[in-house]
């Protein structure tokens, strides 16, 4: 049963990684990247490494995604000021 769940998580990670790479919108790519990190966190949990899974979820999915979204918002604000 666990093998099927792990296979499903791997498929979701691969699908969201492809979305992150080929998406035209930066925000969609950032969110997909966060989902990839969350999926990898689930894989670490299945591999009996809960400490690594928690760290990956907190840093990879949470903090990195937040930093990228904040950076994207700052860049968008800077572009609108340059156009004026």
PDB file of N, CA and C in Angstrom:
ATOM      1  N   UNK A   1       0.820  -1.193   0.000  1.00  0.00           N
ATOM      2  CA  UNK A   1       0.000   0.000   0.000  1.00  0.00           C
ATOM      3  C   UNK A   1       0.869   1.262   0.000  1.00  0.00           C
ATOM      4  N   UNK A   2       1.923   1.237   0.814  1.00  0.00           N
ATOM      5  CA  UNK A   2       2.796   2.406   0.902  1.00  0.00           C
ATOM      6  C   UNK A   2       3.508   2.648  -0.425  1.00  0.00           C
ATOM      7  N   UNK A   3       3.823   1.584  -1.120  1.00  0.00           N
ATOM      8  CA  UNK A   3       4.505   1.720  -2.423  1.00  0.00           C
ATOM      9  C   UNK A   3       3.624   2.477  -3.403  1.00  0.00           C
ATOM     10  N   UNK A   4       2.329   2.245  -3.367  1.00  0.00           N
ATOM     11  CA  UNK A   4       1.411   2.937  -4.277  1.00  0.00           C
ATOM     12  C   UNK A   4       1.317   4.427  -3.938  1.00  0.00           C
ATOM     13  N   UNK A   5       1.276   4.721  -2.658  1.00  0.00           N
ATOM     14  CA  UNK A   5       1.217   6.121  -2.228  1.00  0.00           C
ATOM     15  C   UNK A   5       2.517   6.840  -2.600  1.00  0.00           C
ATOM     16  N   UNK A   6       3.652   6.173  -2.380  1.00  0.00           N
ATOM     17  CA  UNK A   6       4.941   6.774  -2.736  1.00  0.00           C
ATOM     18  C   UNK A   6       5.041   6.991  -4.245  1.00  0.00           C
ATOM     19  N   UNK A   7       4.552   6.053  -5.027  1.00  0.00           N
ATOM     20  CA  UNK A   7       4.557   6.200  -6.486  1.00  0.00           C
ATOM     21  C   UNK A   7       3.674   7.372  -6.907  1.00  0.00           C
ATOM     22  N   UNK A   8       2.543   7.516  -6.263  1.00  0.00           N
ATOM     23  CA  UNK A   8       1.660   8.646  -6.556  1.00  0.00           C
ATOM     24  C   UNK A   8       2.331   9.970  -6.201  1.00  0.00           C
ATOM     25  N   UNK A   9       3.017  10.022  -5.072  1.00  0.00           N
ATOM     26  CA  UNK A   9       3.714  11.246  -4.671  1.00  0.00           C
ATOM     27  C   UNK A   9       4.821  11.576  -5.662  1.00  0.00           C
ATOM     28  N   UNK A  10       5.559  10.569  -6.120  1.00  0.00           N
ATOM     29  CA  UNK A  10       6.612  10.798  -7.115  1.00  0.00           C
ATOM     30  C   UNK A  10       6.008  11.341  -8.408  1.00  0.00           C
ATOM     31  N   UNK A  11       4.879  10.788  -8.831  1.00  0.00           N
ATOM     32  CA  UNK A  11       4.223  11.273 -10.050  1.00  0.00           C
ATOM     33  C   UNK A  11       3.779  12.725  -9.893  1.00  0.00           C
ATOM     34  N   UNK A  12       3.253  13.067  -8.729  1.00  0.00           N
ATOM     35  CA  UNK A  12       2.832  14.448  -8.476  1.00  0.00           C
ATOM     36  C   UNK A  12       4.042  15.378  -8.459  1.00  0.00           C
ATOM     37  N   UNK A  13       5.141  14.936  -7.858  1.00  0.00           N
ATOM     38  CA  UNK A  13       6.356  15.758  -7.822  1.00  0.00           C
ATOM     39  C   UNK A  13       6.865  16.006  -9.239  1.00  0.00           C
ATOM     40  N   UNK A  14       6.888  14.979 -10.061  1.00  0.00           N
ATOM     41  CA  UNK A  14       7.353  15.139 -11.445  1.00  0.00           C
ATOM     42  C   UNK A  14       6.425  16.063 -12.223  1.00  0.00           C
ATOM     43  N   UNK A  15       5.118  15.899 -12.039  1.00  0.00           N
ATOM     44  CA  UNK A  15       4.155  16.743 -12.754  1.00  0.00           C
ATOM     45  C   UNK A  15       4.281  18.208 -12.343  1.00  0.00           C
ATOM     46  N   UNK A  16       4.400  18.458 -11.054  1.00  0.00           N
ATOM     47  CA  UNK A  16       4.516  19.847 -10.614  1.00  0.00           C
ATOM     48  C   UNK A  16       5.876  20.444 -10.985  1.00  0.00           C
ATOM     49  N   UNK A  17       6.908  19.609 -11.059  1.00  0.00           N
ATOM     50  CA  UNK A  17       8.207  20.112 -11.522  1.00  0.00           C
ATOM     51  C   UNK A  17       8.124  20.540 -12.980  1.00  0.00           C
ATOM     52  N   UNK A  18       7.426  19.773 -13.783  1.00  0.00           N
ATOM     53  CA  UNK A  18       7.242  20.148 -15.193  1.00  0.00           C
ATOM     54  C   UNK A  18       6.409  21.425 -15.317  1.00  0.00           C
ATOM     55  N   UNK A  19       5.412  21.561 -14.473  1.00  0.00           N
ATOM     56  CA  UNK A  19       4.616  22.790 -14.477  1.00  0.00           C
ATOM     57  C   UNK A  19       5.488  23.979 -14.088  1.00  0.00           C
ATOM     58  N   UNK A  20       6.347  23.789 -13.088  1.00  0.00           N
ATOM     59  CA  UNK A  20       7.229  24.878 -12.651  1.00  0.00           C
ATOM     60  C   UNK A  20       8.176  25.303 -13.761  1.00  0.00           C
ATOM     61  N   UNK A  21       8.646  24.359 -14.542  1.00  0.00           N
ATOM     62  CA  UNK A  21       9.603  24.672 -15.607  1.00  0.00           C
ATOM     63  C   UNK A  21       8.924  25.317 -16.811  1.00  0.00           C
ATOM     64  N   UNK A  22       7.783  24.803 -17.205  1.00  0.00           N
ATOM     65  CA  UNK A  22       7.166  25.237 -18.455  1.00  0.00           C
ATOM     66  C   UNK A  22       6.068  26.281 -18.312  1.00  0.00           C
ATOM     67  N   UNK A  23       5.762  26.706 -17.101  1.00  0.00           N
ATOM     68  CA  UNK A  23       4.719  27.705 -16.908  1.00  0.00           C
ATOM     69  C   UNK A  23       5.194  29.072 -17.396  1.00  0.00           C
ATOM     70  N   UNK A  24       4.283  29.813 -18.008  1.00  0.00           N
ATOM     71  CA  UNK A  24       4.605  31.152 -18.506  1.00  0.00           C
ATOM     72  C   UNK A  24       4.558  32.204 -17.403  1.00  0.00           C
ATOM     73  N   UNK A  25       3.763  31.963 -16.365  1.00  0.00           N
ATOM     74  CA  UNK A  25       3.619  32.922 -15.279  1.00  0.00           C
ATOM     75  C   UNK A  25       4.581  32.575 -14.152  1.00  0.00           C
ATOM     76  N   UNK A  26       5.277  33.589 -13.656  1.00  0.00           N
ATOM     77  CA  UNK A  26       6.261  33.365 -12.600  1.00  0.00           C
ATOM     78  C   UNK A  26       5.614  32.913 -11.295  1.00  0.00           C
ATOM     79  N   UNK A  27       4.474  33.484 -10.958  1.00  0.00           N
ATOM     80  CA  UNK A  27       3.811  33.100  -9.716  1.00  0.00           C
ATOM     81  C   UNK A  27       3.396  31.633  -9.750  1.00  0.00           C
ATOM     82  N   UNK A  28       2.904  31.172 -10.884  1.00  0.00           N
ATOM     83  CA  UNK A  28       2.548  29.755 -11.022  1.00  0.00           C
ATOM     84  C   UNK A  28       3.771  28.865 -10.860  1.00  0.00           C
ATOM     85  N   UNK A  29       4.894  29.299 -11.407  1.00  0.00           N
ATOM     86  CA  UNK A  29       6.130  28.536 -11.265  1.00  0.00           C
ATOM     87  C   UNK A  29       6.588  28.479  -9.812  1.00  0.00           C
ATOM     88  N   UNK A  30       6.450  29.584  -9.109  1.00  0.00           N
ATOM     89  CA  UNK A  30       6.858  29.622  -7.703  1.00  0.00           C
ATOM     90  C   UNK A  30       5.982  28.699  -6.865  1.00  0.00           C
ATOM     91  N   UNK A  31       4.684  28.738  -7.092  1.00  0.00           N
ATOM     92  CA  UNK A  31       3.772  27.872  -6.344  1.00  0.00           C
ATOM     93  C   UNK A  31       4.037  26.406  -6.669  1.00  0.00           C
ATOM     94  N   UNK A  32       4.285  26.099  -7.937  1.00  0.00           N
ATOM     95  CA  UNK A  32       4.596  24.724  -8.322  1.00  0.00           C
ATOM     96  C   UNK A  32       5.897  24.265  -7.674  1.00  0.00           C
ATOM     97  N   UNK A  33       6.875  25.162  -7.582  1.00  0.00           N
ATOM     98  CA  UNK A  33       8.128  24.824  -6.923  1.00  0.00           C
ATOM     99  C   UNK A  33       7.892  24.495  -5.444  1.00  0.00           C
ATOM    100  N   UNK A  34       7.023  25.251  -4.801  1.00  0.00           N
ATOM    101  CA  UNK A  34       6.672  24.960  -3.410  1.00  0.00           C
ATOM    102  C   UNK A  34       5.992  23.614  -3.264  1.00  0.00           C
ATOM    103  N   UNK A  35       5.145  23.272  -4.227  1.00  0.00           N
ATOM    104  CA  UNK A  35       4.485  21.963  -4.194  1.00  0.00           C
ATOM    105  C   UNK A  35       5.475  20.828  -4.430  1.00  0.00           C
ATOM    106  N   UNK A  36       6.471  21.061  -5.280  1.00  0.00           N
ATOM    107  CA  UNK A  36       7.524  20.059  -5.483  1.00  0.00           C
ATOM    108  C   UNK A  36       8.243  19.807  -4.171  1.00  0.00           C
ATOM    109  N   UNK A  37       8.577  20.881  -3.479  1.00  0.00           N
ATOM    110  CA  UNK A  37       9.276  20.749  -2.211  1.00  0.00           C
ATOM    111  C   UNK A  37       8.403  20.041  -1.171  1.00  0.00           C
ATOM    112  N   UNK A  38       7.127  20.320  -1.186  1.00  0.00           N
ATOM    113  CA  UNK A  38       6.214  19.646  -0.267  1.00  0.00           C
ATOM    114  C   UNK A  38       6.110  18.157  -0.584  1.00  0.00           C
ATOM    115  N   UNK A  39       6.089  17.826  -1.882  1.00  0.00           N
ATOM    116  CA  UNK A  39       6.067  16.416  -2.285  1.00  0.00           C
ATOM    117  C   UNK A  39       7.340  15.682  -1.892  1.00  0.00           C
ATOM    118  N   UNK A  40       8.469  16.349  -2.060  1.00  0.00           N
ATOM    119  CA  UNK A  40       9.739  15.750  -1.650  1.00  0.00           C
ATOM    120  C   UNK A  40       9.751  15.554  -0.133  1.00  0.00           C
ATOM    121  N   UNK A  41       9.150  16.480   0.576  1.00  0.00           N
ATOM    122  CA  UNK A  41       9.027  16.327   2.020  1.00  0.00           C
ATOM    123  C   UNK A  41       8.230  15.061   2.368  1.00  0.00           C
ATOM    124  N   UNK A  42       7.171  14.817   1.630  1.00  0.00           N
ATOM    125  CA  UNK A  42       6.405  13.584   1.828  1.00  0.00           C
ATOM    126  C   UNK A  42       7.219  12.340   1.523  1.00  0.00           C
ATOM    127  N   UNK A  43       8.054  12.420   0.503  1.00  0.00           N
ATOM    128  CA  UNK A  43       8.914  11.278   0.183  1.00  0.00           C
ATOM    129  C   UNK A  43       9.931  11.018   1.298  1.00  0.00           C
ATOM    130  N   UNK A  44      10.478  12.076   1.865  1.00  0.00           N
ATOM    131  CA  UNK A  44      11.391  11.893   2.995  1.00  0.00           C
ATOM    132  C   UNK A  44      10.682  11.225   4.169  1.00  0.00           C
ATOM    133  N   UNK A  45       9.413  11.582   4.365  1.00  0.00           N
ATOM    134  CA  UNK A  45       8.642  10.951   5.436  1.00  0.00           C
ATOM    135  C   UNK A  45       8.464   9.461   5.163  1.00  0.00           C
ATOM    136  N   UNK A  46       8.172   9.102   3.901  1.00  0.00           N
ATOM    137  CA  UNK A  46       8.029   7.688   3.546  1.00  0.00           C
ATOM    138  C   UNK A  46       9.343   6.930   3.683  1.00  0.00           C
ATOM    139  N   UNK A  47      10.458   7.624   3.555  1.00  0.00           N
ATOM    140  CA  UNK A  47      11.775   7.001   3.685  1.00  0.00           C
ATOM    141  C   UNK A  47      12.265   6.965   5.131  1.00  0.00           C
ATOM    142  N   UNK A  48      11.344   7.163   6.065  1.00  0.00           N
ATOM    143  CA  UNK A  48      11.633   7.074   7.492  1.00  0.00           C
ATOM    144  C   UNK A  48      12.614   8.154   7.966  1.00  0.00           C
ATOM    145  N   UNK A  49      12.519   9.341   7.402  1.00  0.00           N
ATOM    146  CA  UNK A  49      13.357  10.462   7.826  1.00  0.00           C
ATOM    147  C   UNK A  49      12.463  11.659   8.173  1.00  0.00           C
ATOM    148  N   UNK A  50      11.738  11.572   9.284  1.00  0.00           N
ATOM    149  CA  UNK A  50      10.794  12.646   9.602  1.00  0.00           C
ATOM    150  C   UNK A  50      11.464  13.981   9.919  1.00  0.00           C
ATOM    151  N   UNK A  51      12.684  13.950  10.465  1.00  0.00           N
ATOM    152  CA  UNK A  51      13.367  15.203  10.761  1.00  0.00           C
ATOM    153  C   UNK A  51      13.728  15.952   9.480  1.00  0.00           C
ATOM    154  N   UNK A  52      14.164  15.227   8.474  1.00  0.00           N
ATOM    155  CA  UNK A  52      14.477  15.840   7.185  1.00  0.00           C
ATOM    156  C   UNK A  52      13.191  16.303   6.500  1.00  0.00           C
ATOM    157  N   UNK A  53      12.120  15.534   6.659  1.00  0.00           N
ATOM    158  CA  UNK A  53      10.838  15.903   6.059  1.00  0.00           C
ATOM    159  C   UNK A  53      10.313  17.208   6.649  1.00  0.00           C
ATOM    160  N   UNK A  54      10.419  17.351   7.956  1.00  0.00           N
ATOM    161  CA  UNK A  54       9.948  18.585   8.600  1.00  0.00           C
ATOM    162  C   UNK A  54      10.794  19.772   8.162  1.00  0.00           C
ATOM    163  N   UNK A  55      12.105  19.566   8.077  1.00  0.00           N
ATOM    164  CA  UNK A  55      12.989  20.647   7.645  1.00  0.00           C
ATOM    165  C   UNK A  55      12.704  21.046   6.212  1.00  0.00           C
ATOM    166  N   UNK A  56      12.504  20.066   5.334  1.00  0.00           N
ATOM    167  CA  UNK A  56      12.203  20.351   3.926  1.00  0.00           C
ATOM    168  C   UNK A  56      10.871  21.084   3.795  1.00  0.00           C
ATOM    169  N   UNK A  57       9.888  20.674   4.578  1.00  0.00           N
ATOM    170  CA  UNK A  57       8.587  21.340   4.516  1.00  0.00           C
ATOM    171  C   UNK A  57       8.683  22.783   5.006  1.00  0.00           C
ATOM    172  N   UNK A  58       9.410  22.982   6.080  1.00  0.00           N
ATOM    173  CA  UNK A  58       9.500  24.333   6.648  1.00  0.00           C
ATOM    174  C   UNK A  58      10.356  25.254   5.789  1.00  0.00           C
ATOM    175  N   UNK A  59      11.538  24.808   5.426  1.00  0.00           N
ATOM    176  CA  UNK A  59      12.470  25.658   4.686  1.00  0.00           C
ATOM    177  C   UNK A  59      12.162  25.632   3.194  1.00  0.00           C
ATOM    178  N   UNK A  60      12.068  24.448   2.621  1.00  0.00           N
ATOM    179  CA  UNK A  60      11.882  24.325   1.172  1.00  0.00           C
ATOM    180  C   UNK A  60      10.527  24.809   0.703  1.00  0.00           C
ATOM    181  N   UNK A  61       9.477  24.288   1.314  1.00  0.00           N
ATOM    182  CA  UNK A  61       8.136  24.639   0.856  1.00  0.00           C
ATOM    183  C   UNK A  61       7.667  25.973   1.427  1.00  0.00           C
ATOM    184  N   UNK A  62       7.973  26.220   2.667  1.00  0.00           N
ATOM    185  CA  UNK A  62       7.454  27.427   3.309  1.00  0.00           C
ATOM    186  C   UNK A  62       8.286  28.664   3.083  1.00  0.00           C
ATOM    187  N   UNK A  63       9.487  28.656   3.606  1.00  0.00           N
ATOM    188  CA  UNK A  63      10.309  29.856   3.595  1.00  0.00           C
ATOM    189  C   UNK A  63      10.781  30.239   2.195  1.00  0.00           C
ATOM    190  N   UNK A  64      11.263  29.276   1.442  1.00  0.00           N
ATOM    191  CA  UNK A  64      11.756  29.591   0.087  1.00  0.00           C
ATOM    192  C   UNK A  64      10.641  30.132  -0.808  1.00  0.00           C
ATOM    193  N   UNK A  65       9.470  29.522  -0.714  1.00  0.00           N
ATOM    194  CA  UNK A  65       8.345  29.997  -1.516  1.00  0.00           C
ATOM    195  C   UNK A  65       7.963  31.420  -1.117  1.00  0.00           C
ATOM    196  N   UNK A  66       7.932  31.685   0.180  1.00  0.00           N
ATOM    197  CA  UNK A  66       7.600  33.027   0.646  1.00  0.00           C
ATOM    198  C   UNK A  66       8.636  34.050   0.170  1.00  0.00           C
ATOM    199  N   UNK A  67       9.910  33.696   0.228  1.00  0.00           N
ATOM    200  CA  UNK A  67      10.960  34.616  -0.221  1.00  0.00           C
ATOM    201  C   UNK A  67      10.823  34.903  -1.713  1.00  0.00           C
ATOM    202  N   UNK A  68      10.549  33.873  -2.507  1.00  0.00           N
ATOM    203  CA  UNK A  68      10.389  34.086  -3.947  1.00  0.00           C
ATOM    204  C   UNK A  68       9.170  34.952  -4.260  1.00  0.00           C
ATOM    205  N   UNK A  69       8.070  34.749  -3.541  1.00  0.00           N
ATOM    206  CA  UNK A  69       6.867  35.560  -3.776  1.00  0.00           C
ATOM    207  C   UNK A  69       7.134  37.015  -3.397  1.00  0.00           C
ATOM    208  N   UNK A  70       7.811  37.245  -2.282  1.00  0.00           N
ATOM    209  CA  UNK A  70       8.139  38.611  -1.872  1.00  0.00           C
ATOM    210  C   UNK A  70       9.063  39.265  -2.894  1.00  0.00           C
ATOM    211  N   UNK A  71      10.061  38.507  -3.368  1.00  0.00           N
ATOM    212  CA  UNK A  71      10.969  39.053  -4.378  1.00  0.00           C
ATOM    213  C   UNK A  71      10.227  39.376  -5.671  1.00  0.00           C
ATOM    214  N   UNK A  72       9.293  38.529  -6.062  1.00  0.00           N
ATOM    215  CA  UNK A  72       8.507  38.778  -7.271  1.00  0.00           C
ATOM    216  C   UNK A  72       7.667  40.036  -7.122  1.00  0.00           C
ATOM    217  N   UNK A  73       7.062  40.230  -5.954  1.00  0.00           N
ATOM    218  CA  UNK A  73       6.265  41.433  -5.719  1.00  0.00           C
ATOM    219  C   UNK A  73       7.127  42.683  -5.760  1.00  0.00           C
ATOM    220  N   UNK A  74       8.335  42.608  -5.192  1.00  0.00           N
ATOM    221  CA  UNK A  74       9.241  43.769  -5.204  1.00  0.00           C
ATOM    222  C   UNK A  74       9.677  44.097  -6.630  1.00  0.00           C
ATOM    223  N   UNK A  75       9.946  43.083  -7.423  1.00  0.00           N
ATOM    224  CA  UNK A  75      10.352  43.313  -8.815  1.00  0.00           C
ATOM    225  C   UNK A  75       9.202  43.939  -9.597  1.00  0.00           C
ATOM    226  N   UNK A  76       7.982  43.461  -9.376  1.00  0.00           N
ATOM    227  CA  UNK A  76       6.815  44.020 -10.072  1.00  0.00           C
ATOM    228  C   UNK A  76       6.620  45.490  -9.697  1.00  0.00           C
ATOM    229  N   UNK A  77       6.808  45.838  -8.428  1.00  0.00           N
ATOM    230  CA  UNK A  77       6.683  47.225  -7.990  1.00  0.00           C
ATOM    231  C   UNK A  77       7.767  48.085  -8.629  1.00  0.00           C
ATOM    232  N   UNK A  78       8.984  47.545  -8.729  1.00  0.00           N
ATOM    233  CA  UNK A  78      10.081  48.282  -9.339  1.00  0.00           C
ATOM    234  C   UNK A  78       9.864  48.520 -10.815  1.00  0.00           C
ATOM    235  N   UNK A  79       9.246  47.566 -11.507  1.00  0.00           N
ATOM    236  CA  UNK A  79       8.966  47.740 -12.938  1.00  0.00           C
ATOM    237  C   UNK A  79       7.928  48.822 -13.155  1.00  0.00           C
ATOM    238  N   UNK A  80       6.904  48.888 -12.292  1.00  0.00           N
ATOM    239  CA  UNK A  80       5.860  49.899 -12.475  1.00  0.00           C
ATOM    240  C   UNK A  80       6.408  51.293 -12.186  1.00  0.00           C
ATOM    241  N   UNK A  81       7.357  51.436 -11.277  1.00  0.00           N
ATOM    242  CA  UNK A  81       7.949  52.748 -10.993  1.00  0.00           C
ATOM    243  C   UNK A  81       8.841  53.199 -12.149  1.00  0.00           C
ATOM    244  N   UNK A  82       9.521  52.263 -12.791  1.00  0.00           N
ATOM    245  CA  UNK A  82      10.388  52.614 -13.916  1.00  0.00           C
ATOM    246  C   UNK A  82       9.589  53.084 -15.124  1.00  0.00           C
ATOM    247  N   UNK A  83       8.374  52.575 -15.292  1.00  0.00           N
ATOM    248  CA  UNK A  83       7.554  52.933 -16.439  1.00  0.00           C
ATOM    249  C   UNK A  83       6.992  54.348 -16.315  1.00  0.00           C
ATOM    250  N   UNK A  84       6.883  54.858 -15.087  1.00  0.00           N
ATOM    251  CA  UNK A  84       6.291  56.191 -14.878  1.00  0.00           C
ATOM    252  C   UNK A  84       7.235  57.248 -15.216  1.00  0.00           C
TER     253      UNK A  84
END
